[in-house]
PDB file of N, CA and C in Angstrom:
ATOM      1  N   MET A   1      53.574 -60.255  31.703  1.00  0.00           N
ATOM      2  CA  MET A   1      53.605 -60.907  30.418  1.00  0.00           C
ATOM      3  C   MET A   1      53.966 -59.871  29.349  1.00  0.00           C
ATOM      4  N   ILE A   2      54.739 -60.317  28.368  1.00  0.00           N
ATOM      5  CA  ILE A   2      55.101 -59.454  27.249  1.00  0.00           C
ATOM      6  C   ILE A   2      54.709 -60.157  25.950  1.00  0.00           C
ATOM      7  N   PHE A   3      54.600 -59.356  24.897  1.00  0.00           N
ATOM      8  CA  PHE A   3      54.295 -59.907  23.591  1.00  0.00           C
ATOM      9  C   PHE A   3      55.445 -59.625  22.643  1.00  0.00           C
ATOM     10  N   GLU A   4      55.911 -60.671  22.009  1.00  0.00           N
ATOM     11  CA  GLU A   4      56.866 -60.555  20.910  1.00  0.00           C
ATOM     12  C   GLU A   4      56.031 -60.394  19.648  1.00  0.00           C
ATOM     13  N   ILE A   5      56.313 -59.370  18.882  1.00  0.00           N
ATOM     14  CA  ILE A   5      55.624 -59.175  17.609  1.00  0.00           C
ATOM     15  C   ILE A   5      56.680 -59.166  16.520  1.00  0.00           C
ATOM     16  N   ALA A   6      56.640 -60.189  15.682  1.00  0.00           N
ATOM     17  CA  ALA A   6      57.585 -60.299  14.582  1.00  0.00           C
ATOM     18  C   ALA A   6      56.872 -59.910  13.292  1.00  0.00           C
ATOM     19  N   HIS A   7      57.378 -58.882  12.641  1.00  0.00           N
ATOM     20  CA  HIS A   7      56.850 -58.414  11.361  1.00  0.00           C
ATOM     21  C   HIS A   7      57.584 -59.199  10.280  1.00  0.00           C
ATOM     22  N   ILE A   8      56.844 -60.029   9.566  1.00  0.00           N
ATOM     23  CA  ILE A   8      57.448 -60.961   8.612  1.00  0.00           C
ATOM     24  C   ILE A   8      56.889 -60.710   7.215  1.00  0.00           C
ATOM     25  N   ARG A   9      57.783 -60.656   6.239  1.00  0.00           N
ATOM     26  CA  ARG A   9      57.375 -60.631   4.833  1.00  0.00           C
ATOM     27  C   ARG A   9      57.933 -61.901   4.191  1.00  0.00           C
ATOM     28  N   VAL A  10      57.067 -62.584   3.454  1.00  0.00           N
ATOM     29  CA  VAL A  10      57.493 -63.820   2.813  1.00  0.00           C
ATOM     30  C   VAL A  10      57.645 -63.614   1.310  1.00  0.00           C
ATOM     31  N   LYS A  11      58.397 -64.500   0.703  1.00  0.00           N
ATOM     32  CA  LYS A  11      58.614 -64.449  -0.742  1.00  0.00           C
ATOM     33  C   LYS A  11      57.280 -64.627  -1.470  1.00  0.00           C
ATOM     34  N   PRO A  12      57.131 -64.011  -2.632  1.00  0.00           N
ATOM     35  CA  PRO A  12      55.874 -64.123  -3.388  1.00  0.00           C
ATOM     36  C   PRO A  12      55.488 -65.582  -3.638  1.00  0.00           C
ATOM     37  N   ASP A  13      54.198 -65.822  -3.560  1.00  0.00           N
ATOM     38  CA  ASP A  13      53.611 -67.135  -3.866  1.00  0.00           C
ATOM     39  C   ASP A  13      54.067 -68.253  -2.931  1.00  0.00           C
ATOM     40  N   THR A  14      54.489 -67.903  -1.698  1.00  0.00           N
ATOM     41  CA  THR A  14      54.880 -68.933  -0.728  1.00  0.00           C
ATOM     42  C   THR A  14      53.993 -68.909   0.515  1.00  0.00           C
ATOM     43  N   GLN A  15      52.897 -68.141   0.454  1.00  0.00           N
ATOM     44  CA  GLN A  15      52.072 -67.950   1.641  1.00  0.00           C
ATOM     45  C   GLN A  15      51.554 -69.272   2.216  1.00  0.00           C
ATOM     46  N   ALA A  16      50.995 -70.128   1.379  1.00  0.00           N
ATOM     47  CA  ALA A  16      50.418 -71.390   1.872  1.00  0.00           C
ATOM     48  C   ALA A  16      51.486 -72.273   2.504  1.00  0.00           C
ATOM     49  N   ALA A  17      52.636 -72.368   1.863  1.00  0.00           N
ATOM     50  CA  ALA A  17      53.716 -73.199   2.403  1.00  0.00           C
ATOM     51  C   ALA A  17      54.255 -72.609   3.702  1.00  0.00           C
ATOM     52  N   PHE A  18      54.370 -71.281   3.766  1.00  0.00           N
ATOM     53  CA  PHE A  18      54.823 -70.627   4.996  1.00  0.00           C
ATOM     54  C   PHE A  18      53.837 -70.905   6.130  1.00  0.00           C
ATOM     55  N   GLU A  19      52.555 -70.741   5.878  1.00  0.00           N
ATOM     56  CA  GLU A  19      51.548 -70.987   6.914  1.00  0.00           C
ATOM     57  C   GLU A  19      51.586 -72.435   7.382  1.00  0.00           C
ATOM     58  N   ALA A  20      51.804 -73.371   6.461  1.00  0.00           N
ATOM     59  CA  ALA A  20      51.915 -74.781   6.846  1.00  0.00           C
ATOM     60  C   ALA A  20      53.153 -75.008   7.716  1.00  0.00           C
ATOM     61  N   ALA A  21      54.252 -74.345   7.398  1.00  0.00           N
ATOM     62  CA  ALA A  21      55.482 -74.484   8.193  1.00  0.00           C
ATOM     63  C   ALA A  21      55.292 -73.919   9.595  1.00  0.00           C
ATOM     64  N   VAL A  22      54.594 -72.780   9.709  1.00  0.00           N
ATOM     65  CA  VAL A  22      54.325 -72.215  11.035  1.00  0.00           C
ATOM     66  C   VAL A  22      53.432 -73.166  11.828  1.00  0.00           C
ATOM     67  N   ALA A  23      52.439 -73.750  11.184  1.00  0.00           N
ATOM     68  CA  ALA A  23      51.570 -74.716  11.873  1.00  0.00           C
ATOM     69  C   ALA A  23      52.393 -75.903  12.379  1.00  0.00           C
ATOM     70  N   GLU A  24      53.348 -76.346  11.596  1.00  0.00           N
ATOM     71  CA  GLU A  24      54.215 -77.451  12.002  1.00  0.00           C
ATOM     72  C   GLU A  24      55.079 -77.069  13.207  1.00  0.00           C
ATOM     73  N   ALA A  25      55.371 -75.776  13.338  1.00  0.00           N
ATOM     74  CA  ALA A  25      56.230 -75.293  14.420  1.00  0.00           C
ATOM     75  C   ALA A  25      55.495 -75.054  15.735  1.00  0.00           C
ATOM     76  N   VAL A  26      54.182 -75.135  15.741  1.00  0.00           N
ATOM     77  CA  VAL A  26      53.425 -74.857  16.972  1.00  0.00           C
ATOM     78  C   VAL A  26      53.951 -75.643  18.173  1.00  0.00           C
ATOM     79  N   PRO A  27      54.248 -76.941  18.052  1.00  0.00           N
ATOM     80  CA  PRO A  27      54.767 -77.666  19.223  1.00  0.00           C
ATOM     81  C   PRO A  27      56.065 -77.084  19.783  1.00  0.00           C
ATOM     82  N   LEU A  28      56.884 -76.469  18.942  1.00  0.00           N
ATOM     83  CA  LEU A  28      58.128 -75.860  19.421  1.00  0.00           C
ATOM     84  C   LEU A  28      57.828 -74.736  20.403  1.00  0.00           C
ATOM     85  N   PHE A  29      56.809 -73.947  20.101  1.00  0.00           N
ATOM     86  CA  PHE A  29      56.412 -72.856  20.991  1.00  0.00           C
ATOM     87  C   PHE A  29      55.685 -73.390  22.227  1.00  0.00           C
ATOM     88  N   ARG A  30      54.855 -74.408  22.027  1.00  0.00           N
ATOM     89  CA  ARG A  30      54.108 -74.970  23.162  1.00  0.00           C
ATOM     90  C   ARG A  30      55.028 -75.446  24.268  1.00  0.00           C
ATOM     91  N   ARG A  31      56.157 -76.004  23.907  1.00  0.00           N
ATOM     92  CA  ARG A  31      57.043 -76.535  24.939  1.00  0.00           C
ATOM     93  C   ARG A  31      58.118 -75.549  25.383  1.00  0.00           C
ATOM     94  N   ALA A  32      58.143 -74.368  24.794  1.00  0.00           N
ATOM     95  CA  ALA A  32      59.155 -73.366  25.168  1.00  0.00           C
ATOM     96  C   ALA A  32      58.882 -72.816  26.562  1.00  0.00           C
ATOM     97  N   ALA A  33      59.926 -72.670  27.345  1.00  0.00           N
ATOM     98  CA  ALA A  33      59.805 -72.127  28.702  1.00  0.00           C
ATOM     99  C   ALA A  33      59.193 -70.733  28.648  1.00  0.00           C
ATOM    100  N   GLY A  34      58.108 -70.543  29.392  1.00  0.00           N
ATOM    101  CA  GLY A  34      57.490 -69.228  29.508  1.00  0.00           C
ATOM    102  C   GLY A  34      56.601 -68.810  28.364  1.00  0.00           C
ATOM    103  N   CYS A  35      56.419 -69.653  27.353  1.00  0.00           N
ATOM    104  CA  CYS A  35      55.543 -69.296  26.231  1.00  0.00           C
ATOM    105  C   CYS A  35      54.100 -69.590  26.619  1.00  0.00           C
ATOM    106  N   VAL A  36      53.242 -68.575  26.538  1.00  0.00           N
ATOM    107  CA  VAL A  36      51.849 -68.749  26.958  1.00  0.00           C
ATOM    108  C   VAL A  36      50.853 -68.629  25.812  1.00  0.00           C
ATOM    109  N   SER A  37      51.277 -68.103  24.672  1.00  0.00           N
ATOM    110  CA  SER A  37      50.377 -68.012  23.522  1.00  0.00           C
ATOM    111  C   SER A  37      51.187 -67.780  22.259  1.00  0.00           C
ATOM    112  N   MET A  38      50.563 -68.089  21.130  1.00  0.00           N
ATOM    113  CA  MET A  38      51.221 -67.894  19.840  1.00  0.00           C
ATOM    114  C   MET A  38      50.143 -67.826  18.782  1.00  0.00           C
ATOM    115  N   ARG A  39      50.238 -66.807  17.915  1.00  0.00           N
ATOM    116  CA  ARG A  39      49.296 -66.736  16.795  1.00  0.00           C
ATOM    117  C   ARG A  39      49.984 -66.085  15.607  1.00  0.00           C
ATOM    118  N   LEU A  40      49.510 -66.444  14.420  1.00  0.00           N
ATOM    119  CA  LEU A  40      50.014 -65.864  13.184  1.00  0.00           C
ATOM    120  C   LEU A  40      48.877 -65.096  12.538  1.00  0.00           C
ATOM    121  N   GLU A  41      49.139 -63.834  12.203  1.00  0.00           N
ATOM    122  CA  GLU A  41      48.145 -62.986  11.555  1.00  0.00           C
ATOM    123  C   GLU A  41      48.663 -62.602  10.176  1.00  0.00           C
ATOM    124  N   ARG A  42      47.755 -62.563   9.200  1.00  0.00           N
ATOM    125  CA  ARG A  42      48.146 -62.191   7.836  1.00  0.00           C
ATOM    126  C   ARG A  42      47.440 -60.906   7.437  1.00  0.00           C
ATOM    127  N   SER A  43      48.166 -60.023   6.778  1.00  0.00           N
ATOM    128  CA  SER A  43      47.609 -58.754   6.326  1.00  0.00           C
ATOM    129  C   SER A  43      46.564 -58.984   5.238  1.00  0.00           C
ATOM    130  N   ILE A  44      45.508 -58.233   5.321  1.00  0.00           N
ATOM    131  CA  ILE A  44      44.479 -58.279   4.284  1.00  0.00           C
ATOM    132  C   ILE A  44      44.945 -57.503   3.050  1.00  0.00           C
ATOM    133  N   GLU A  45      45.601 -56.376   3.286  1.00  0.00           N
ATOM    134  CA  GLU A  45      46.027 -55.520   2.178  1.00  0.00           C
ATOM    135  C   GLU A  45      47.277 -56.033   1.452  1.00  0.00           C
ATOM    136  N   GLU A  46      48.182 -56.649   2.185  1.00  0.00           N
ATOM    137  CA  GLU A  46      49.440 -57.127   1.598  1.00  0.00           C
ATOM    138  C   GLU A  46      49.583 -58.615   1.892  1.00  0.00           C
ATOM    139  N   ARG A  47      49.317 -59.442   0.911  1.00  0.00           N
ATOM    140  CA  ARG A  47      49.234 -60.895   1.106  1.00  0.00           C
ATOM    141  C   ARG A  47      50.528 -61.537   1.591  1.00  0.00           C
ATOM    142  N   ASP A  48      51.655 -60.860   1.421  1.00  0.00           N
ATOM    143  CA  ASP A  48      52.920 -61.447   1.853  1.00  0.00           C
ATOM    144  C   ASP A  48      53.385 -60.924   3.212  1.00  0.00           C
ATOM    145  N   ALA A  49      52.536 -60.163   3.903  1.00  0.00           N
ATOM    146  CA  ALA A  49      52.901 -59.575   5.196  1.00  0.00           C
ATOM    147  C   ALA A  49      52.186 -60.300   6.336  1.00  0.00           C
ATOM    148  N   TYR A  50      52.953 -60.677   7.322  1.00  0.00           N
ATOM    149  CA  TYR A  50      52.438 -61.409   8.486  1.00  0.00           C
ATOM    150  C   TYR A  50      52.919 -60.753   9.777  1.00  0.00           C
ATOM    151  N   ARG A  51      52.203 -61.047  10.848  1.00  0.00           N
ATOM    152  CA  ARG A  51      52.641 -60.723  12.198  1.00  0.00           C
ATOM    153  C   ARG A  51      52.554 -62.014  13.008  1.00  0.00           C
ATOM    154  N   LEU A  52      53.678 -62.409  13.573  1.00  0.00           N
ATOM    155  CA  LEU A  52      53.709 -63.509  14.521  1.00  0.00           C
ATOM    156  C   LEU A  52      53.663 -62.868  15.899  1.00  0.00           C
ATOM    157  N   VAL A  53      52.648 -63.208  16.683  1.00  0.00           N
ATOM    158  CA  VAL A  53      52.473 -62.619  18.010  1.00  0.00           C
ATOM    159  C   VAL A  53      52.598 -63.745  19.031  1.00  0.00           C
ATOM    160  N   VAL A  54      53.627 -63.643  19.867  1.00  0.00           N
ATOM    161  CA  VAL A  54      53.892 -64.689  20.859  1.00  0.00           C
ATOM    162  C   VAL A  54      53.864 -64.059  22.241  1.00  0.00           C
ATOM    163  N   GLY A  55      53.081 -64.634  23.132  1.00  0.00           N
ATOM    164  CA  GLY A  55      53.040 -64.190  24.520  1.00  0.00           C
ATOM    165  C   GLY A  55      54.069 -64.947  25.343  1.00  0.00           C
ATOM    166  N   TRP A  56      54.874 -64.211  26.082  1.00  0.00           N
ATOM    167  CA  TRP A  56      55.911 -64.787  26.941  1.00  0.00           C
ATOM    168  C   TRP A  56      55.719 -64.278  28.362  1.00  0.00           C
ATOM    169  N   GLU A  57      56.024 -65.119  29.334  1.00  0.00           N
ATOM    170  CA  GLU A  57      55.950 -64.683  30.734  1.00  0.00           C
ATOM    171  C   GLU A  57      56.944 -63.563  31.004  1.00  0.00           C
ATOM    172  N   THR A  58      58.167 -63.679  30.448  1.00  0.00           N
ATOM    173  CA  THR A  58      59.197 -62.648  30.628  1.00  0.00           C
ATOM    174  C   THR A  58      59.912 -62.415  29.303  1.00  0.00           C
ATOM    175  N   LEU A  59      60.557 -61.291  29.186  1.00  0.00           N
ATOM    176  CA  LEU A  59      61.359 -60.995  28.002  1.00  0.00           C
ATOM    177  C   LEU A  59      62.457 -62.041  27.828  1.00  0.00           C
ATOM    178  N   GLU A  60      63.072 -62.431  28.947  1.00  0.00           N
ATOM    179  CA  GLU A  60      64.173 -63.390  28.896  1.00  0.00           C
ATOM    180  C   GLU A  60      63.719 -64.769  28.418  1.00  0.00           C
ATOM    181  N   ASN A  61      62.436 -65.121  28.659  1.00  0.00           N
ATOM    182  CA  ASN A  61      61.944 -66.389  28.129  1.00  0.00           C
ATOM    183  C   ASN A  61      62.089 -66.425  26.607  1.00  0.00           C
ATOM    184  N   HIS A  62      61.913 -65.280  25.972  1.00  0.00           N
ATOM    185  CA  HIS A  62      62.100 -65.222  24.521  1.00  0.00           C
ATOM    186  C   HIS A  62      63.560 -65.014  24.144  1.00  0.00           C
ATOM    187  N   THR A  63      64.148 -63.935  24.667  1.00  0.00           N
ATOM    188  CA  THR A  63      65.469 -63.512  24.193  1.00  0.00           C
ATOM    189  C   THR A  63      66.612 -64.413  24.647  1.00  0.00           C
ATOM    190  N   VAL A  64      66.446 -65.098  25.772  1.00  0.00           N
ATOM    191  CA  VAL A  64      67.512 -65.966  26.284  1.00  0.00           C
ATOM    192  C   VAL A  64      67.118 -67.437  26.138  1.00  0.00           C
ATOM    193  N   ASP A  65      66.032 -67.823  26.799  1.00  0.00           N
ATOM    194  CA  ASP A  65      65.649 -69.242  26.831  1.00  0.00           C
ATOM    195  C   ASP A  65      65.343 -69.801  25.437  1.00  0.00           C
ATOM    196  N   PHE A  66      64.400 -69.162  24.732  1.00  0.00           N
ATOM    197  CA  PHE A  66      63.994 -69.701  23.434  1.00  0.00           C
ATOM    198  C   PHE A  66      65.069 -69.507  22.379  1.00  0.00           C
ATOM    199  N   ARG A  67      65.627 -68.320  22.312  1.00  0.00           N
ATOM    200  CA  ARG A  67      66.598 -68.050  21.248  1.00  0.00           C
ATOM    201  C   ARG A  67      67.885 -68.858  21.387  1.00  0.00           C
ATOM    202  N   SER A  68      68.176 -69.376  22.563  1.00  0.00           N
ATOM    203  CA  SER A  68      69.370 -70.207  22.731  1.00  0.00           C
ATOM    204  C   SER A  68      69.046 -71.696  22.696  1.00  0.00           C
ATOM    205  N   SER A  69      67.826 -72.033  22.321  1.00  0.00           N
ATOM    206  CA  SER A  69      67.408 -73.437  22.351  1.00  0.00           C
ATOM    207  C   SER A  69      67.505 -74.105  20.981  1.00  0.00           C
ATOM    208  N   ALA A  70      67.531 -75.426  21.009  1.00  0.00           N
ATOM    209  CA  ALA A  70      67.493 -76.200  19.771  1.00  0.00           C
ATOM    210  C   ALA A  70      66.158 -75.983  19.053  1.00  0.00           C
ATOM    211  N   ASP A  71      65.092 -75.714  19.807  1.00  0.00           N
ATOM    212  CA  ASP A  71      63.788 -75.479  19.185  1.00  0.00           C
ATOM    213  C   ASP A  71      63.784 -74.187  18.364  1.00  0.00           C
ATOM    214  N   PHE A  72      64.559 -73.180  18.779  1.00  0.00           N
ATOM    215  CA  PHE A  72      64.661 -71.967  17.967  1.00  0.00           C
ATOM    216  C   PHE A  72      65.326 -72.287  16.635  1.00  0.00           C
ATOM    217  N   LEU A  73      66.379 -73.098  16.669  1.00  0.00           N
ATOM    218  CA  LEU A  73      67.038 -73.494  15.426  1.00  0.00           C
ATOM    219  C   LEU A  73      66.084 -74.282  14.534  1.00  0.00           C
ATOM    220  N   ALA A  74      65.261 -75.134  15.141  1.00  0.00           N
ATOM    221  CA  ALA A  74      64.270 -75.890  14.374  1.00  0.00           C
ATOM    222  C   ALA A  74      63.222 -74.949  13.771  1.00  0.00           C
ATOM    223  N   TRP A  75      62.801 -73.941  14.541  1.00  0.00           N
ATOM    224  CA  TRP A  75      61.849 -72.938  14.049  1.00  0.00           C
ATOM    225  C   TRP A  75      62.411 -72.237  12.820  1.00  0.00           C
ATOM    226  N   ARG A  76      63.645 -71.764  12.938  1.00  0.00           N
ATOM    227  CA  ARG A  76      64.245 -71.046  11.808  1.00  0.00           C
ATOM    228  C   ARG A  76      64.455 -71.965  10.604  1.00  0.00           C
ATOM    229  N   ALA A  77      64.756 -73.233  10.833  1.00  0.00           N
ATOM    230  CA  ALA A  77      64.909 -74.176   9.725  1.00  0.00           C
ATOM    231  C   ALA A  77      63.582 -74.380   8.994  1.00  0.00           C
ATOM    232  N   LEU A  78      62.491 -74.379   9.747  1.00  0.00           N
ATOM    233  CA  LEU A  78      61.170 -74.561   9.138  1.00  0.00           C
ATOM    234  C   LEU A  78      60.726 -73.353   8.326  1.00  0.00           C
ATOM    235  N   VAL A  79      60.965 -72.148   8.832  1.00  0.00           N
ATOM    236  CA  VAL A  79      60.366 -70.956   8.216  1.00  0.00           C
ATOM    237  C   VAL A  79      61.362 -70.003   7.564  1.00  0.00           C
ATOM    238  N   GLY A  80      62.620 -70.095   7.903  1.00  0.00           N
ATOM    239  CA  GLY A  80      63.602 -69.118   7.441  1.00  0.00           C
ATOM    240  C   GLY A  80      63.705 -68.994   5.927  1.00  0.00           C
ATOM    241  N   GLY A  81      63.524 -70.071   5.203  1.00  0.00           N
ATOM    242  CA  GLY A  81      63.620 -70.038   3.752  1.00  0.00           C
ATOM    243  C   GLY A  81      62.513 -69.255   3.071  1.00  0.00           C
ATOM    244  N   PHE A  82      61.453 -68.963   3.801  1.00  0.00           N
ATOM    245  CA  PHE A  82      60.326 -68.206   3.239  1.00  0.00           C
ATOM    246  C   PHE A  82      60.496 -66.700   3.394  1.00  0.00           C
ATOM    247  N   PHE A  83      61.387 -66.268   4.274  1.00  0.00           N
ATOM    248  CA  PHE A  83      61.516 -64.843   4.567  1.00  0.00           C
ATOM    249  C   PHE A  83      62.057 -64.065   3.367  1.00  0.00           C
ATOM    250  N   LEU A  84      61.384 -62.990   3.038  1.00  0.00           N
ATOM    251  CA  LEU A  84      61.871 -62.077   1.999  1.00  0.00           C
ATOM    252  C   LEU A  84      63.025 -61.239   2.539  1.00  0.00           C
ATOM    253  N   ALA A  85      62.945 -60.928   3.828  1.00  0.00           N
ATOM    254  CA  ALA A  85      63.969 -60.165   4.551  1.00  0.00           C
ATOM    255  C   ALA A  85      63.925 -60.639   6.000  1.00  0.00           C
ATOM    256  N   PRO A  86      64.962 -60.353   6.779  1.00  0.00           N
ATOM    257  CA  PRO A  86      64.906 -60.747   8.192  1.00  0.00           C
ATOM    258  C   PRO A  86      63.693 -60.109   8.890  1.00  0.00           C
ATOM    259  N   PRO A  87      63.003 -60.872   9.734  1.00  0.00           N
ATOM    260  CA  PRO A  87      61.862 -60.302  10.459  1.00  0.00           C
ATOM    261  C   PRO A  87      62.288 -59.150  11.361  1.00  0.00           C
ATOM    262  N   GLN A  88      61.409 -58.200  11.513  1.00  0.00           N
ATOM    263  CA  GLN A  88      61.600 -57.102  12.457  1.00  0.00           C
ATOM    264  C   GLN A  88      60.840 -57.479  13.720  1.00  0.00           C
ATOM    265  N   VAL A  89      61.537 -57.572  14.838  1.00  0.00           N
ATOM    266  CA  VAL A  89      60.930 -58.049  16.081  1.00  0.00           C
ATOM    267  C   VAL A  89      60.916 -56.929  17.112  1.00  0.00           C
ATOM    268  N   GLU A  90      59.777 -56.781  17.769  1.00  0.00           N
ATOM    269  CA  GLU A  90      59.669 -55.848  18.891  1.00  0.00           C
ATOM    270  C   GLU A  90      58.945 -56.553  20.026  1.00  0.00           C
ATOM    271  N   HIS A  91      59.157 -56.054  21.228  1.00  0.00           N
ATOM    272  CA  HIS A  91      58.525 -56.614  22.427  1.00  0.00           C
ATOM    273  C   HIS A  91      57.629 -55.545  23.034  1.00  0.00           C
ATOM    274  N   MET A  92      56.416 -55.942  23.369  1.00  0.00           N
ATOM    275  CA  MET A  92      55.414 -54.987  23.830  1.00  0.00           C
ATOM    276  C   MET A  92      54.849 -55.409  25.179  1.00  0.00           C
ATOM    277  N   ASN A  93      54.505 -54.398  25.994  1.00  0.00           N
ATOM    278  CA  ASN A  93      53.740 -54.578  27.223  1.00  0.00           C
ATOM    279  C   ASN A  93      52.347 -54.033  27.006  1.00  0.00           C
ATOM    280  N   THR A  94      51.349 -54.690  27.555  1.00  0.00           N
ATOM    281  CA  THR A  94      49.989 -54.152  27.505  1.00  0.00           C
ATOM    282  C   THR A  94      49.872 -53.088  28.577  1.00  0.00           C
ATOM    283  N   VAL A  95      49.460 -51.892  28.192  1.00  0.00           N
ATOM    284  CA  VAL A  95      49.299 -50.802  29.158  1.00  0.00           C
ATOM    285  C   VAL A  95      47.832 -50.449  29.385  1.00  0.00           C
ATOM    286  N   LEU A  96      46.954 -50.904  28.490  1.00  0.00           N
ATOM    287  CA  LEU A  96      45.533 -50.612  28.639  1.00  0.00           C
ATOM    288  C   LEU A  96      44.732 -51.648  27.888  1.00  0.00           C
ATOM    289  N   THR A  97      43.715 -52.147  28.516  1.00  0.00           N
ATOM    290  CA  THR A  97      42.747 -53.033  27.874  1.00  0.00           C
ATOM    291  C   THR A  97      41.380 -52.404  28.051  1.00  0.00           C
ATOM    292  N   GLY A  98      40.692 -52.117  26.938  1.00  0.00           N
ATOM    293  CA  GLY A  98      39.394 -51.443  27.010  1.00  0.00           C
ATOM    294  C   GLY A  98      38.263 -52.367  27.419  1.00  0.00           C
ATOM    295  N   PHE A  99      38.302 -53.606  26.971  1.00  0.00           N
ATOM    296  CA  PHE A  99      37.281 -54.613  27.338  1.00  0.00           C
ATOM    297  C   PHE A  99      37.736 -55.971  26.914  1.00  0.00           C
TER     298      PHE A  99
END
């Protein structure tokens, strides 16, 4: 399993609307091939900074399957207008779990 971590900054004063749009998009991730989890985290220090953390069975489930799907286009239509800049996306493997 891998984790997609998208570093997202939203336009000022759009936090509530952005969070509502992400909530509306949950079904898109639920039905995506290989998607096993999804959560949105908001920075305490910077109110316009978020991390979208999505668990995928494989990297290709995200980079090929989801990104080439109609649901990806629907996701971007829901949230893209809130982005201050394009999200920075990285993919991570868990190498250690303490507990």
